[in-house]
Amino acid sequence: MRPTHALAAAALTGMALALAGSLPGNSTSGKVAGAASPEWAEVAWPFPDDPWAKGKAFRCRARHCGTEVTLYLRPKIGACNCVTTVDDDDVERIGDLDLLGAHHASLGPGRPIRVRWMNGRSRAYARPAAQAAPRSALAIAFHDRCDMIVATAAVAGEDPAAQEQTVLDFLNGEAVLRWAEVRLGL
């Protein structure tokens, strides 16, 4: 890891642990208004092979996150043309919403986010009522140099933006940091 990234990661790790705390194993906890502490458990990657690597999948049950949220996370190495910012077109182009089905509609413009030292963007989407769950999704893309990591949060409820901070807190946690460092070769 580059020295500036190591220092930033160490500072963020301390803040994240102080704010969120951790449980042993594959679960991480934090705070969610109106629900018990988020508890993320790793689950099997449910999608068939495609040109991108298999990823990691995590689930937070409704009793812990207010509504069921399943997070799919994977690297897309060399996918971002060494951009300095991620815009809505990048999220749409490189994101993994298609894993959830072909039809989705943006709920508005995305917003900039930060996952550790990486800049990115998050955008909320609705899925047609006629389709099976999930009812909505968050598409998140963030990058380190020329490599992108995409996260797709399938949200059982109709307000994916309400789950954005919970998902970002998890993405900034130790489990994802260790995984990202390995995948990005840091």
N, C-alpha and C. Protein backbone atom coordinates (compact mmCIF):
# COMPACT_ATOMS: atom_id res chain seq x y z
N MET A 1 0.86 -1.16 0.00
CA MET A 1 0.00 0.00 0.00
C MET A 1 0.90 1.22 0.00
N ARG A 2 0.55 2.24 -0.78
CA ARG A 2 1.34 3.45 -0.81
C ARG A 2 1.26 4.14 0.54
N PRO A 3 2.35 4.85 0.95
CA PRO A 3 2.38 5.46 2.28
C PRO A 3 1.19 6.35 2.58
N THR A 4 0.78 7.18 1.61
CA THR A 4 -0.37 8.06 1.88
C THR A 4 -1.64 7.26 2.05
N HIS A 5 -1.76 6.17 1.30
CA HIS A 5 -2.95 5.33 1.44
C HIS A 5 -2.93 4.59 2.76
N ALA A 6 -1.74 4.14 3.18
CA ALA A 6 -1.63 3.43 4.46
C ALA A 6 -2.03 4.34 5.61
N LEU A 7 -1.56 5.58 5.59
CA LEU A 7 -1.89 6.53 6.65
C LEU A 7 -3.39 6.83 6.64
N ALA A 8 -3.95 7.06 5.46
CA ALA A 8 -5.38 7.34 5.36
C ALA A 8 -6.19 6.12 5.79
N ALA A 9 -5.77 4.93 5.38
CA ALA A 9 -6.49 3.71 5.76
C ALA A 9 -6.45 3.51 7.26
N ALA A 10 -5.30 3.77 7.88
CA ALA A 10 -5.18 3.60 9.33
C ALA A 10 -6.10 4.57 10.06
N ALA A 11 -6.13 5.82 9.62
CA ALA A 11 -7.00 6.81 10.26
C ALA A 11 -8.46 6.44 10.09
N LEU A 12 -8.84 6.05 8.88
CA LEU A 12 -10.23 5.67 8.63
C LEU A 12 -10.61 4.40 9.38
N THR A 13 -9.67 3.48 9.48
CA THR A 13 -9.94 2.25 10.22
C THR A 13 -10.27 2.57 11.66
N GLY A 14 -9.46 3.42 12.28
CA GLY A 14 -9.73 3.81 13.67
C GLY A 14 -11.08 4.46 13.82
N MET A 15 -11.41 5.38 12.93
CA MET A 15 -12.71 6.05 13.01
C MET A 15 -13.84 5.06 12.78
N ALA A 16 -13.69 4.18 11.77
CA ALA A 16 -14.75 3.23 11.47
C ALA A 16 -14.98 2.28 12.63
N LEU A 17 -13.89 1.79 13.23
CA LEU A 17 -14.03 0.88 14.36
C LEU A 17 -14.65 1.58 15.55
N ALA A 18 -14.28 2.82 15.75
CA ALA A 18 -14.86 3.56 16.88
C ALA A 18 -16.35 3.79 16.67
N LEU A 19 -16.75 4.05 15.43
CA LEU A 19 -18.16 4.33 15.15
C LEU A 19 -18.98 3.06 14.97
N ALA A 20 -18.42 2.07 14.28
CA ALA A 20 -19.21 0.92 13.89
C ALA A 20 -18.99 -0.30 14.76
N GLY A 21 -17.79 -0.53 15.22
CA GLY A 21 -17.49 -1.76 15.96
C GLY A 21 -17.47 -2.93 15.01
N SER A 22 -17.04 -4.09 15.50
CA SER A 22 -16.98 -5.29 14.67
C SER A 22 -17.39 -6.50 15.47
N LEU A 23 -17.94 -7.48 14.78
CA LEU A 23 -18.21 -8.79 15.36
C LEU A 23 -17.24 -9.77 14.73
N PRO A 24 -16.89 -10.86 15.40
CA PRO A 24 -15.97 -11.83 14.81
C PRO A 24 -16.57 -12.48 13.58
N GLY A 25 -15.73 -13.06 12.77
CA GLY A 25 -16.17 -13.79 11.59
C GLY A 25 -16.49 -12.87 10.45
N ASN A 26 -17.56 -13.19 9.74
CA ASN A 26 -17.93 -12.44 8.54
C ASN A 26 -18.98 -11.38 8.81
N SER A 27 -19.23 -11.02 10.03
CA SER A 27 -20.24 -10.03 10.34
C SER A 27 -19.58 -8.75 10.82
N THR A 28 -20.21 -7.64 10.50
CA THR A 28 -19.76 -6.34 10.97
C THR A 28 -20.98 -5.60 11.47
N SER A 29 -20.85 -4.89 12.58
CA SER A 29 -22.01 -4.18 13.10
C SER A 29 -21.76 -2.69 13.13
N GLY A 30 -22.82 -1.92 13.15
CA GLY A 30 -22.80 -0.47 13.22
C GLY A 30 -24.14 -0.02 13.73
N LYS A 31 -24.55 1.21 13.49
CA LYS A 31 -25.81 1.71 14.00
C LYS A 31 -26.76 2.05 12.85
N VAL A 32 -28.01 1.69 12.99
CA VAL A 32 -29.06 2.03 12.05
C VAL A 32 -30.23 2.54 12.85
N ALA A 33 -30.75 3.70 12.48
CA ALA A 33 -31.90 4.26 13.19
C ALA A 33 -33.10 3.33 13.04
N GLY A 34 -33.77 3.04 14.13
CA GLY A 34 -35.00 2.25 14.09
C GLY A 34 -34.78 0.76 13.91
N ALA A 35 -33.55 0.29 13.95
CA ALA A 35 -33.29 -1.13 13.79
C ALA A 35 -32.17 -1.52 14.73
N ALA A 36 -32.04 -2.82 14.94
CA ALA A 36 -30.89 -3.31 15.71
C ALA A 36 -29.63 -2.97 14.93
N SER A 37 -28.49 -3.13 15.52
CA SER A 37 -27.23 -2.86 14.84
C SER A 37 -27.11 -3.70 13.58
N PRO A 38 -26.64 -3.09 12.47
CA PRO A 38 -26.47 -3.88 11.24
C PRO A 38 -25.52 -5.04 11.49
N GLU A 39 -25.89 -6.16 10.98
CA GLU A 39 -25.09 -7.37 11.10
C GLU A 39 -25.02 -7.98 9.72
N TRP A 40 -23.87 -7.90 9.11
CA TRP A 40 -23.67 -8.39 7.75
C TRP A 40 -23.06 -9.78 7.81
N ALA A 41 -23.66 -10.72 7.11
CA ALA A 41 -23.13 -12.08 7.04
C ALA A 41 -22.79 -12.40 5.59
N GLU A 42 -21.65 -13.02 5.38
CA GLU A 42 -21.28 -13.41 4.03
C GLU A 42 -22.18 -14.55 3.57
N VAL A 43 -22.63 -14.48 2.33
CA VAL A 43 -23.45 -15.51 1.71
C VAL A 43 -22.80 -15.90 0.38
N ALA A 44 -23.25 -16.99 -0.20
CA ALA A 44 -22.67 -17.47 -1.46
C ALA A 44 -22.97 -16.49 -2.60
N TRP A 45 -22.00 -16.33 -3.50
CA TRP A 45 -22.20 -15.54 -4.73
C TRP A 45 -23.19 -16.30 -5.59
N PRO A 46 -24.38 -15.73 -5.88
CA PRO A 46 -25.43 -16.50 -6.53
C PRO A 46 -25.46 -16.45 -8.05
N PHE A 47 -24.52 -15.74 -8.67
CA PHE A 47 -24.61 -15.49 -10.10
C PHE A 47 -23.66 -16.40 -10.89
N PRO A 48 -24.05 -16.75 -12.13
CA PRO A 48 -23.17 -17.59 -12.96
C PRO A 48 -21.92 -16.81 -13.38
N ASP A 49 -20.93 -17.55 -13.84
CA ASP A 49 -19.70 -16.93 -14.33
C ASP A 49 -20.00 -15.99 -15.48
N ASP A 50 -19.24 -14.92 -15.56
CA ASP A 50 -19.32 -13.97 -16.66
C ASP A 50 -17.90 -13.46 -16.88
N PRO A 51 -17.70 -12.50 -17.79
CA PRO A 51 -16.32 -12.04 -18.06
C PRO A 51 -15.62 -11.41 -16.85
N TRP A 52 -16.36 -10.96 -15.85
CA TRP A 52 -15.75 -10.38 -14.66
C TRP A 52 -15.59 -11.44 -13.60
N ALA A 53 -14.75 -11.20 -12.66
CA ALA A 53 -14.51 -12.16 -11.58
C ALA A 53 -15.74 -12.34 -10.71
N LYS A 54 -15.84 -13.52 -10.09
CA LYS A 54 -16.88 -13.70 -9.08
C LYS A 54 -16.56 -12.74 -7.95
N GLY A 55 -17.59 -12.35 -7.25
CA GLY A 55 -17.39 -11.41 -6.17
C GLY A 55 -17.72 -12.00 -4.82
N LYS A 56 -17.99 -11.10 -3.90
CA LYS A 56 -18.41 -11.45 -2.54
C LYS A 56 -19.84 -10.98 -2.39
N ALA A 57 -20.59 -11.69 -1.60
CA ALA A 57 -21.97 -11.31 -1.33
C ALA A 57 -22.19 -11.31 0.18
N PHE A 58 -22.94 -10.32 0.65
CA PHE A 58 -23.23 -10.17 2.07
C PHE A 58 -24.71 -9.83 2.23
N ARG A 59 -25.30 -10.28 3.34
CA ARG A 59 -26.71 -9.98 3.59
C ARG A 59 -26.86 -9.38 4.98
N CYS A 60 -27.74 -8.38 5.05
CA CYS A 60 -28.15 -7.80 6.32
C CYS A 60 -29.66 -7.99 6.39
N ARG A 61 -30.10 -8.74 7.37
CA ARG A 61 -31.53 -9.04 7.52
C ARG A 61 -32.31 -7.80 7.96
N ALA A 62 -33.60 -7.82 7.72
CA ALA A 62 -34.47 -6.68 8.04
C ALA A 62 -34.41 -6.30 9.51
N ARG A 63 -34.30 -7.26 10.40
CA ARG A 63 -34.28 -6.93 11.82
C ARG A 63 -33.03 -6.12 12.20
N HIS A 64 -32.00 -6.19 11.37
CA HIS A 64 -30.77 -5.46 11.64
C HIS A 64 -30.61 -4.19 10.81
N CYS A 65 -31.19 -4.17 9.61
CA CYS A 65 -31.02 -3.02 8.70
C CYS A 65 -32.31 -2.28 8.41
N GLY A 66 -33.41 -2.69 9.00
CA GLY A 66 -34.68 -2.02 8.75
C GLY A 66 -35.44 -2.62 7.58
N THR A 67 -34.73 -3.16 6.60
CA THR A 67 -35.27 -3.91 5.47
C THR A 67 -34.14 -4.83 5.01
N GLU A 68 -34.46 -5.91 4.35
CA GLU A 68 -33.41 -6.82 3.89
C GLU A 68 -32.56 -6.15 2.81
N VAL A 69 -31.24 -6.25 2.96
CA VAL A 69 -30.29 -5.70 1.99
C VAL A 69 -29.28 -6.79 1.68
N THR A 70 -29.09 -7.07 0.40
CA THR A 70 -28.05 -7.99 -0.03
C THR A 70 -27.07 -7.21 -0.88
N LEU A 71 -25.81 -7.30 -0.52
CA LEU A 71 -24.75 -6.52 -1.17
C LEU A 71 -23.87 -7.44 -1.99
N TYR A 72 -23.71 -7.11 -3.27
CA TYR A 72 -22.85 -7.86 -4.18
C TYR A 72 -21.67 -6.95 -4.51
N LEU A 73 -20.47 -7.46 -4.34
CA LEU A 73 -19.27 -6.66 -4.43
C LEU A 73 -18.24 -7.38 -5.28
N ARG A 74 -17.69 -6.68 -6.29
CA ARG A 74 -16.61 -7.31 -7.05
C ARG A 74 -15.73 -6.28 -7.74
N PRO A 75 -14.48 -6.70 -8.01
CA PRO A 75 -13.55 -5.80 -8.68
C PRO A 75 -13.76 -5.85 -10.19
N LYS A 76 -13.45 -4.77 -10.83
CA LYS A 76 -13.40 -4.73 -12.29
C LYS A 76 -12.06 -4.08 -12.64
N ILE A 77 -11.06 -4.94 -12.68
CA ILE A 77 -9.67 -4.51 -12.84
C ILE A 77 -9.46 -3.93 -14.25
N GLY A 78 -8.89 -2.73 -14.30
CA GLY A 78 -8.62 -2.07 -15.56
C GLY A 78 -9.85 -1.51 -16.25
N ALA A 79 -10.95 -1.39 -15.54
CA ALA A 79 -12.22 -1.03 -16.16
C ALA A 79 -12.51 0.46 -16.22
N CYS A 80 -11.70 1.29 -15.56
CA CYS A 80 -12.16 2.67 -15.46
C CYS A 80 -11.29 3.69 -16.18
N ASN A 81 -10.40 3.26 -17.05
CA ASN A 81 -9.62 4.21 -17.85
C ASN A 81 -8.86 5.22 -17.00
N CYS A 82 -8.50 4.85 -15.80
CA CYS A 82 -7.71 5.71 -14.91
C CYS A 82 -8.37 7.06 -14.68
N VAL A 83 -9.67 7.07 -14.44
CA VAL A 83 -10.41 8.30 -14.21
C VAL A 83 -10.07 8.88 -12.85
N THR A 84 -10.34 10.17 -12.69
CA THR A 84 -10.16 10.80 -11.39
C THR A 84 -11.48 10.95 -10.66
N THR A 85 -12.57 10.91 -11.39
CA THR A 85 -13.90 10.95 -10.78
C THR A 85 -14.78 9.91 -11.47
N VAL A 86 -15.82 9.51 -10.78
CA VAL A 86 -16.80 8.58 -11.32
C VAL A 86 -18.10 9.36 -11.46
N ASP A 87 -18.71 9.32 -12.65
CA ASP A 87 -19.97 10.03 -12.85
C ASP A 87 -21.11 9.02 -13.03
N ASP A 88 -22.32 9.54 -13.20
CA ASP A 88 -23.49 8.67 -13.32
C ASP A 88 -23.38 7.73 -14.52
N ASP A 89 -22.80 8.22 -15.63
CA ASP A 89 -22.62 7.35 -16.80
C ASP A 89 -21.70 6.18 -16.48
N ASP A 90 -20.64 6.43 -15.69
CA ASP A 90 -19.73 5.35 -15.29
C ASP A 90 -20.46 4.32 -14.44
N VAL A 91 -21.26 4.80 -13.49
CA VAL A 91 -22.01 3.88 -12.63
C VAL A 91 -22.94 3.02 -13.48
N GLU A 92 -23.61 3.64 -14.43
CA GLU A 92 -24.54 2.91 -15.30
C GLU A 92 -23.79 1.92 -16.19
N ARG A 93 -22.65 2.32 -16.72
CA ARG A 93 -21.89 1.50 -17.66
C ARG A 93 -21.19 0.32 -16.98
N ILE A 94 -20.54 0.56 -15.86
CA ILE A 94 -19.69 -0.47 -15.25
C ILE A 94 -20.37 -1.17 -14.06
N GLY A 95 -21.45 -0.60 -13.55
CA GLY A 95 -22.14 -1.18 -12.41
C GLY A 95 -22.73 -2.54 -12.72
N ASP A 96 -23.22 -3.20 -11.71
CA ASP A 96 -23.74 -4.56 -11.85
C ASP A 96 -25.24 -4.66 -11.67
N LEU A 97 -25.98 -3.61 -11.99
CA LEU A 97 -27.44 -3.68 -11.85
C LEU A 97 -28.05 -4.79 -12.68
N ASP A 98 -27.41 -5.12 -13.81
CA ASP A 98 -27.95 -6.17 -14.66
C ASP A 98 -27.96 -7.54 -13.96
N LEU A 99 -27.17 -7.70 -12.90
CA LEU A 99 -27.23 -8.95 -12.13
C LEU A 99 -28.62 -9.14 -11.51
N LEU A 100 -29.30 -8.03 -11.23
CA LEU A 100 -30.62 -8.10 -10.59
C LEU A 100 -31.75 -8.19 -11.59
N GLY A 101 -31.46 -8.02 -12.85
CA GLY A 101 -32.49 -8.05 -13.89
C GLY A 101 -32.28 -6.90 -14.86
N ALA A 102 -32.95 -6.98 -15.98
CA ALA A 102 -32.71 -6.02 -17.06
C ALA A 102 -33.38 -4.67 -16.84
N HIS A 103 -34.41 -4.60 -16.03
CA HIS A 103 -35.18 -3.36 -15.93
C HIS A 103 -34.94 -2.66 -14.60
N HIS A 104 -34.59 -1.39 -14.70
CA HIS A 104 -34.41 -0.54 -13.53
C HIS A 104 -34.51 0.91 -13.99
N ALA A 105 -34.89 1.78 -13.09
CA ALA A 105 -35.02 3.21 -13.41
C ALA A 105 -34.35 4.03 -12.34
N SER A 106 -33.53 4.96 -12.76
CA SER A 106 -32.84 5.83 -11.81
C SER A 106 -33.85 6.66 -11.03
N LEU A 107 -33.58 6.86 -9.76
CA LEU A 107 -34.43 7.70 -8.92
C LEU A 107 -33.89 9.13 -8.83
N GLY A 108 -32.96 9.46 -9.71
CA GLY A 108 -32.37 10.80 -9.72
C GLY A 108 -30.88 10.70 -9.91
N PRO A 109 -30.22 11.83 -9.88
CA PRO A 109 -28.77 11.81 -10.07
C PRO A 109 -28.09 11.14 -8.87
N GLY A 110 -26.91 10.62 -9.14
CA GLY A 110 -26.12 10.01 -8.09
C GLY A 110 -25.42 11.07 -7.27
N ARG A 111 -24.65 10.58 -6.29
CA ARG A 111 -23.90 11.53 -5.47
C ARG A 111 -22.50 10.97 -5.22
N PRO A 112 -21.54 11.85 -5.04
CA PRO A 112 -20.18 11.39 -4.78
C PRO A 112 -20.08 10.71 -3.42
N ILE A 113 -19.27 9.68 -3.36
CA ILE A 113 -19.04 8.95 -2.10
C ILE A 113 -17.54 8.70 -1.97
N ARG A 114 -17.16 8.23 -0.82
CA ARG A 114 -15.78 7.86 -0.57
C ARG A 114 -15.76 6.55 0.20
N VAL A 115 -14.96 5.62 -0.27
CA VAL A 115 -14.75 4.36 0.42
C VAL A 115 -13.25 4.29 0.68
N ARG A 116 -12.90 4.47 1.96
CA ARG A 116 -11.51 4.58 2.36
C ARG A 116 -10.83 5.68 1.55
N TRP A 117 -9.78 5.36 0.82
CA TRP A 117 -9.05 6.36 0.03
C TRP A 117 -9.61 6.50 -1.38
N MET A 118 -10.64 5.72 -1.71
CA MET A 118 -11.15 5.67 -3.08
C MET A 118 -12.37 6.57 -3.26
N ASN A 119 -12.37 7.32 -4.34
CA ASN A 119 -13.51 8.16 -4.70
C ASN A 119 -14.47 7.36 -5.55
N GLY A 120 -15.73 7.73 -5.49
CA GLY A 120 -16.70 7.02 -6.28
C GLY A 120 -18.04 7.74 -6.32
N ARG A 121 -19.06 6.97 -6.65
CA ARG A 121 -20.41 7.52 -6.80
C ARG A 121 -21.43 6.46 -6.43
N SER A 122 -22.54 6.91 -5.87
CA SER A 122 -23.65 6.04 -5.51
C SER A 122 -24.91 6.58 -6.19
N ARG A 123 -25.72 5.68 -6.69
CA ARG A 123 -26.96 6.10 -7.36
C ARG A 123 -28.07 5.09 -7.02
N ALA A 124 -29.24 5.62 -6.72
CA ALA A 124 -30.39 4.80 -6.34
C ALA A 124 -31.26 4.48 -7.56
N TYR A 125 -31.82 3.28 -7.55
CA TYR A 125 -32.66 2.80 -8.66
C TYR A 125 -33.91 2.11 -8.11
N ALA A 126 -34.97 2.21 -8.88
CA ALA A 126 -36.21 1.48 -8.59
C ALA A 126 -36.33 0.36 -9.61
N ARG A 127 -37.02 -0.68 -9.19
CA ARG A 127 -37.31 -1.78 -10.11
C ARG A 127 -38.82 -1.85 -10.31
N PRO A 128 -39.28 -2.24 -11.50
CA PRO A 128 -40.72 -2.28 -11.77
C PRO A 128 -41.46 -3.15 -10.76
N ALA A 129 -42.64 -2.69 -10.39
CA ALA A 129 -43.45 -3.40 -9.38
C ALA A 129 -43.78 -4.82 -9.82
N ALA A 130 -43.89 -5.07 -11.11
CA ALA A 130 -44.24 -6.40 -11.60
C ALA A 130 -43.12 -7.41 -11.39
N GLN A 131 -41.89 -6.94 -11.19
CA GLN A 131 -40.78 -7.86 -10.98
C GLN A 131 -40.72 -8.32 -9.53
N ALA A 132 -40.11 -9.45 -9.35
CA ALA A 132 -39.92 -9.97 -7.99
C ALA A 132 -38.92 -9.10 -7.24
N ALA A 133 -38.83 -9.31 -5.94
CA ALA A 133 -37.88 -8.56 -5.11
C ALA A 133 -36.49 -8.75 -5.68
N PRO A 134 -35.60 -7.84 -5.52
CA PRO A 134 -35.68 -6.64 -4.70
C PRO A 134 -36.46 -5.53 -5.38
N ARG A 135 -37.06 -4.69 -4.56
CA ARG A 135 -37.86 -3.57 -5.07
C ARG A 135 -37.01 -2.41 -5.55
N SER A 136 -35.80 -2.27 -4.99
CA SER A 136 -34.93 -1.16 -5.37
C SER A 136 -33.48 -1.58 -5.20
N ALA A 137 -32.58 -0.70 -5.62
CA ALA A 137 -31.16 -1.04 -5.56
C ALA A 137 -30.32 0.23 -5.47
N LEU A 138 -29.13 0.05 -4.95
CA LEU A 138 -28.09 1.08 -4.99
C LEU A 138 -26.98 0.55 -5.86
N ALA A 139 -26.51 1.35 -6.78
CA ALA A 139 -25.34 1.01 -7.57
C ALA A 139 -24.22 1.93 -7.10
N ILE A 140 -23.10 1.34 -6.71
CA ILE A 140 -21.98 2.09 -6.18
C ILE A 140 -20.73 1.67 -6.93
N ALA A 141 -19.96 2.64 -7.37
CA ALA A 141 -18.69 2.36 -8.04
C ALA A 141 -17.63 3.27 -7.42
N PHE A 142 -16.48 2.69 -7.10
CA PHE A 142 -15.37 3.49 -6.58
C PHE A 142 -14.08 2.91 -7.14
N HIS A 143 -13.03 3.73 -7.19
CA HIS A 143 -11.83 3.28 -7.89
C HIS A 143 -10.54 3.62 -7.17
N ASP A 144 -9.53 2.83 -7.50
CA ASP A 144 -8.16 3.07 -7.10
C ASP A 144 -7.35 3.05 -8.39
N ARG A 145 -6.81 4.19 -8.78
CA ARG A 145 -6.07 4.32 -10.03
C ARG A 145 -6.95 3.83 -11.17
N CYS A 146 -6.53 2.77 -11.87
CA CYS A 146 -7.26 2.30 -13.05
C CYS A 146 -8.19 1.12 -12.77
N ASP A 147 -8.37 0.80 -11.52
CA ASP A 147 -9.20 -0.35 -11.15
C ASP A 147 -10.46 0.12 -10.42
N MET A 148 -11.56 -0.51 -10.76
CA MET A 148 -12.87 -0.15 -10.21
C MET A 148 -13.36 -1.28 -9.31
N ILE A 149 -14.05 -0.92 -8.26
CA ILE A 149 -14.81 -1.88 -7.46
C ILE A 149 -16.26 -1.44 -7.56
N VAL A 150 -17.13 -2.39 -7.85
CA VAL A 150 -18.55 -2.07 -7.93
C VAL A 150 -19.28 -2.82 -6.83
N ALA A 151 -20.25 -2.15 -6.27
CA ALA A 151 -21.10 -2.73 -5.24
C ALA A 151 -22.54 -2.50 -5.66
N THR A 152 -23.33 -3.54 -5.60
CA THR A 152 -24.75 -3.44 -5.91
C THR A 152 -25.51 -3.91 -4.69
N ALA A 153 -26.31 -3.03 -4.14
CA ALA A 153 -27.11 -3.37 -2.96
C ALA A 153 -28.55 -3.58 -3.39
N ALA A 154 -29.02 -4.81 -3.29
CA ALA A 154 -30.41 -5.13 -3.57
C ALA A 154 -31.20 -4.87 -2.30
N VAL A 155 -32.17 -3.97 -2.38
CA VAL A 155 -32.92 -3.52 -1.20
C VAL A 155 -34.37 -3.98 -1.33
N ALA A 156 -34.86 -4.68 -0.31
CA ALA A 156 -36.23 -5.19 -0.34
C ALA A 156 -37.25 -4.06 -0.31
N GLY A 157 -36.95 -2.96 0.36
CA GLY A 157 -37.87 -1.84 0.46
C GLY A 157 -37.81 -0.94 -0.77
N GLU A 158 -38.63 0.09 -0.76
CA GLU A 158 -38.73 0.98 -1.92
C GLU A 158 -37.86 2.23 -1.82
N ASP A 159 -37.09 2.39 -0.74
CA ASP A 159 -36.26 3.58 -0.57
C ASP A 159 -34.80 3.18 -0.40
N PRO A 160 -34.10 2.93 -1.52
CA PRO A 160 -32.72 2.47 -1.38
C PRO A 160 -31.81 3.52 -0.76
N ALA A 161 -32.10 4.79 -0.94
CA ALA A 161 -31.27 5.85 -0.37
C ALA A 161 -31.24 5.78 1.15
N ALA A 162 -32.30 5.25 1.76
CA ALA A 162 -32.34 5.11 3.22
C ALA A 162 -31.31 4.10 3.71
N GLN A 163 -30.84 3.23 2.84
CA GLN A 163 -29.85 2.21 3.21
C GLN A 163 -28.43 2.59 2.80
N GLU A 164 -28.27 3.72 2.11
CA GLU A 164 -26.96 4.08 1.58
C GLU A 164 -25.89 4.19 2.67
N GLN A 165 -26.17 4.87 3.76
CA GLN A 165 -25.15 5.04 4.80
C GLN A 165 -24.78 3.71 5.45
N THR A 166 -25.76 2.84 5.65
CA THR A 166 -25.49 1.53 6.22
C THR A 166 -24.56 0.74 5.30
N VAL A 167 -24.83 0.79 4.00
CA VAL A 167 -23.98 0.09 3.03
C VAL A 167 -22.59 0.71 3.00
N LEU A 168 -22.50 2.03 2.97
CA LEU A 168 -21.19 2.69 2.95
C LEU A 168 -20.39 2.40 4.21
N ASP A 169 -21.06 2.35 5.35
CA ASP A 169 -20.36 2.01 6.60
C ASP A 169 -19.74 0.61 6.49
N PHE A 170 -20.49 -0.32 5.93
CA PHE A 170 -19.96 -1.67 5.75
C PHE A 170 -18.81 -1.68 4.75
N LEU A 171 -18.96 -0.97 3.64
CA LEU A 171 -17.89 -0.92 2.64
C LEU A 171 -16.62 -0.31 3.22
N ASN A 172 -16.74 0.56 4.20
CA ASN A 172 -15.58 1.18 4.83
C ASN A 172 -15.04 0.35 5.99
N GLY A 173 -15.60 -0.82 6.24
CA GLY A 173 -15.17 -1.67 7.35
C GLY A 173 -13.98 -2.54 7.00
N GLU A 174 -13.48 -3.22 8.02
CA GLU A 174 -12.28 -4.05 7.90
C GLU A 174 -12.43 -5.21 6.91
N ALA A 175 -13.57 -5.89 6.91
CA ALA A 175 -13.74 -7.05 6.03
C ALA A 175 -13.58 -6.65 4.57
N VAL A 176 -14.19 -5.55 4.18
CA VAL A 176 -14.10 -5.11 2.79
C VAL A 176 -12.71 -4.53 2.51
N LEU A 177 -12.11 -3.84 3.47
CA LEU A 177 -10.77 -3.30 3.27
C LEU A 177 -9.78 -4.41 2.95
N ARG A 178 -9.78 -5.47 3.75
CA ARG A 178 -8.85 -6.59 3.51
C ARG A 178 -9.09 -7.21 2.14
N TRP A 179 -10.35 -7.42 1.77
CA TRP A 179 -10.69 -8.00 0.48
C TRP A 179 -10.24 -7.08 -0.64
N ALA A 180 -10.51 -5.76 -0.53
CA ALA A 180 -10.14 -4.80 -1.58
C ALA A 180 -8.63 -4.73 -1.76
N GLU A 181 -7.89 -4.74 -0.67
CA GLU A 181 -6.43 -4.68 -0.78
C GLU A 181 -5.88 -5.86 -1.56
N VAL A 182 -6.42 -7.05 -1.33
CA VAL A 182 -5.98 -8.24 -2.05
C VAL A 182 -6.35 -8.11 -3.52
N ARG A 183 -7.60 -7.76 -3.80
CA ARG A 183 -8.08 -7.68 -5.19
C ARG A 183 -7.37 -6.58 -5.99
N LEU A 184 -7.02 -5.49 -5.33
CA LEU A 184 -6.37 -4.38 -6.03
C LEU A 184 -4.85 -4.51 -6.01
N GLY A 185 -4.35 -5.55 -5.37
CA GLY A 185 -2.91 -5.78 -5.33
C GLY A 185 -2.14 -4.75 -4.53
N LEU A 186 -2.75 -4.27 -3.44
CA LEU A 186 -2.09 -3.24 -2.61
C LEU A 186 -1.27 -3.86 -1.51
